[in-house]
Amino acid sequence: MGNVEVHILGQRYIIKGDTESPEYLIQLAEFVDGKLKEVYSTAPHITPLKAAILAALNIADELHKIKKDHRTISQSIRTIEDKADTIIKLFE
């Protein structure tokens, strides 16, 4: 895999990616760059550290919402599977 050069808010970073593809690492960097730009669009005079913390909080919020949705969907699938098993047993 090797090193990948990415740019976040105009800054150059070298990321070592031993397990992920360069394309994936570039996508991650673009995602982070986009989140930081969102923060700066609403608060252009914020310090880089505060912008990074707010972007991290936004990303964490999205992650937790997705995890909650995933748990809900998994529970729904288990319920459907249980009902399907019950129906199948009726016909056995």
Protein backbone atom coordinates (compact mmCIF):
# COMPACT_ATOMS: atom_id res chain seq x y z
CA MET A 1 0.00 0.00 0.00
CA GLY A 2 2.43 2.74 1.10
CA ASN A 3 2.15 6.46 1.66
CA VAL A 4 -0.58 8.68 0.27
CA GLU A 5 -0.40 12.45 -0.06
CA VAL A 6 -3.63 14.26 0.80
CA HIS A 7 -4.61 17.88 1.31
CA ILE A 8 -6.91 19.09 4.07
CA LEU A 9 -7.69 22.81 4.16
CA GLY A 10 -4.77 23.41 1.86
CA GLN A 11 -2.30 21.62 4.12
CA ARG A 12 -0.34 18.66 2.78
CA TYR A 13 -0.38 15.46 4.81
CA ILE A 14 1.28 12.11 4.19
CA ILE A 15 -0.80 9.20 5.41
CA LYS A 16 0.62 5.73 5.79
CA GLY A 17 -1.89 3.15 4.68
CA ASP A 18 -0.76 -0.40 5.20
CA THR A 19 -4.22 -1.95 5.17
CA GLU A 20 -6.35 0.49 3.16
CA SER A 21 -6.17 1.44 -0.49
CA PRO A 22 -4.85 4.87 -1.47
CA GLU A 23 -8.24 5.69 -2.97
CA TYR A 24 -9.96 5.00 0.34
CA LEU A 25 -7.50 7.19 2.26
CA ILE A 26 -8.05 9.99 -0.24
CA GLN A 27 -11.82 9.64 0.21
CA LEU A 28 -11.40 9.91 3.98
CA ALA A 29 -9.25 13.02 3.64
CA GLU A 30 -11.80 14.59 1.28
CA PHE A 31 -14.56 13.81 3.77
CA VAL A 32 -12.65 15.44 6.63
CA ASP A 33 -11.76 18.40 4.42
CA GLY A 34 -15.45 18.82 3.57
CA LYS A 35 -16.47 18.72 7.23
CA LEU A 36 -13.87 21.32 8.14
CA LYS A 37 -15.03 23.54 5.28
CA GLU A 38 -18.61 23.24 6.58
CA VAL A 39 -17.45 24.47 9.99
CA TYR A 40 -15.51 27.34 8.43
CA SER A 41 -18.49 28.32 6.29
CA THR A 42 -20.53 28.97 9.43
CA ALA A 43 -17.68 30.37 11.56
CA PRO A 44 -14.93 31.69 9.25
CA HIS A 45 -12.82 33.27 12.02
CA ILE A 46 -12.65 30.19 14.24
CA THR A 47 -9.24 28.80 15.21
CA PRO A 48 -8.06 25.65 13.42
CA LEU A 49 -8.19 23.68 16.69
CA LYS A 50 -11.79 24.69 17.39
CA ALA A 51 -12.73 23.95 13.79
CA ALA A 52 -11.17 20.48 14.09
CA ILE A 53 -13.01 19.81 17.34
CA LEU A 54 -16.35 20.94 15.89
CA ALA A 55 -15.77 18.87 12.75
CA ALA A 56 -14.89 15.86 14.92
CA LEU A 57 -18.09 16.36 16.93
CA ASN A 58 -20.12 16.54 13.71
CA ILE A 59 -18.50 13.34 12.45
CA ALA A 60 -19.06 11.62 15.82
CA ASP A 61 -22.72 12.70 15.75
CA GLU A 62 -23.17 11.19 12.28
CA LEU A 63 -21.43 7.99 13.35
CA HIS A 64 -23.58 7.55 16.45
CA LYS A 65 -26.78 8.21 14.51
CA ILE A 66 -25.75 5.65 11.89
CA LYS A 67 -24.90 3.11 14.61
CA LYS A 68 -28.29 3.70 16.24
CA ASP A 69 -30.03 3.26 12.88
CA HIS A 70 -28.00 0.10 12.26
CA ARG A 71 -29.07 -1.35 15.63
CA THR A 72 -32.71 -0.53 14.89
CA ILE A 73 -32.51 -2.12 11.44
CA SER A 74 -30.74 -5.20 12.84
CA GLN A 75 -33.46 -5.61 15.47
CA SER A 76 -36.15 -5.25 12.81
CA ILE A 77 -34.46 -7.88 10.66
CA ARG A 78 -34.26 -10.26 13.63
CA THR A 79 -37.96 -9.71 14.31
CA ILE A 80 -38.82 -10.41 10.67
CA GLU A 81 -36.63 -13.53 10.69
CA ASP A 82 -38.33 -14.78 13.86
CA LYS A 83 -41.78 -14.22 12.32
CA ALA A 84 -40.68 -15.93 9.10
CA ASP A 85 -39.39 -18.92 11.11
CA THR A 86 -42.72 -19.12 12.92
CA ILE A 87 -44.62 -19.06 9.62
CA ILE A 88 -42.32 -21.68 8.08
CA LYS A 89 -42.86 -23.98 11.07
CA LEU A 90 -46.62 -23.76 10.50
CA PHE A 91 -46.15 -25.31 7.07
CA GLU A 92 -43.72 -28.05 8.09
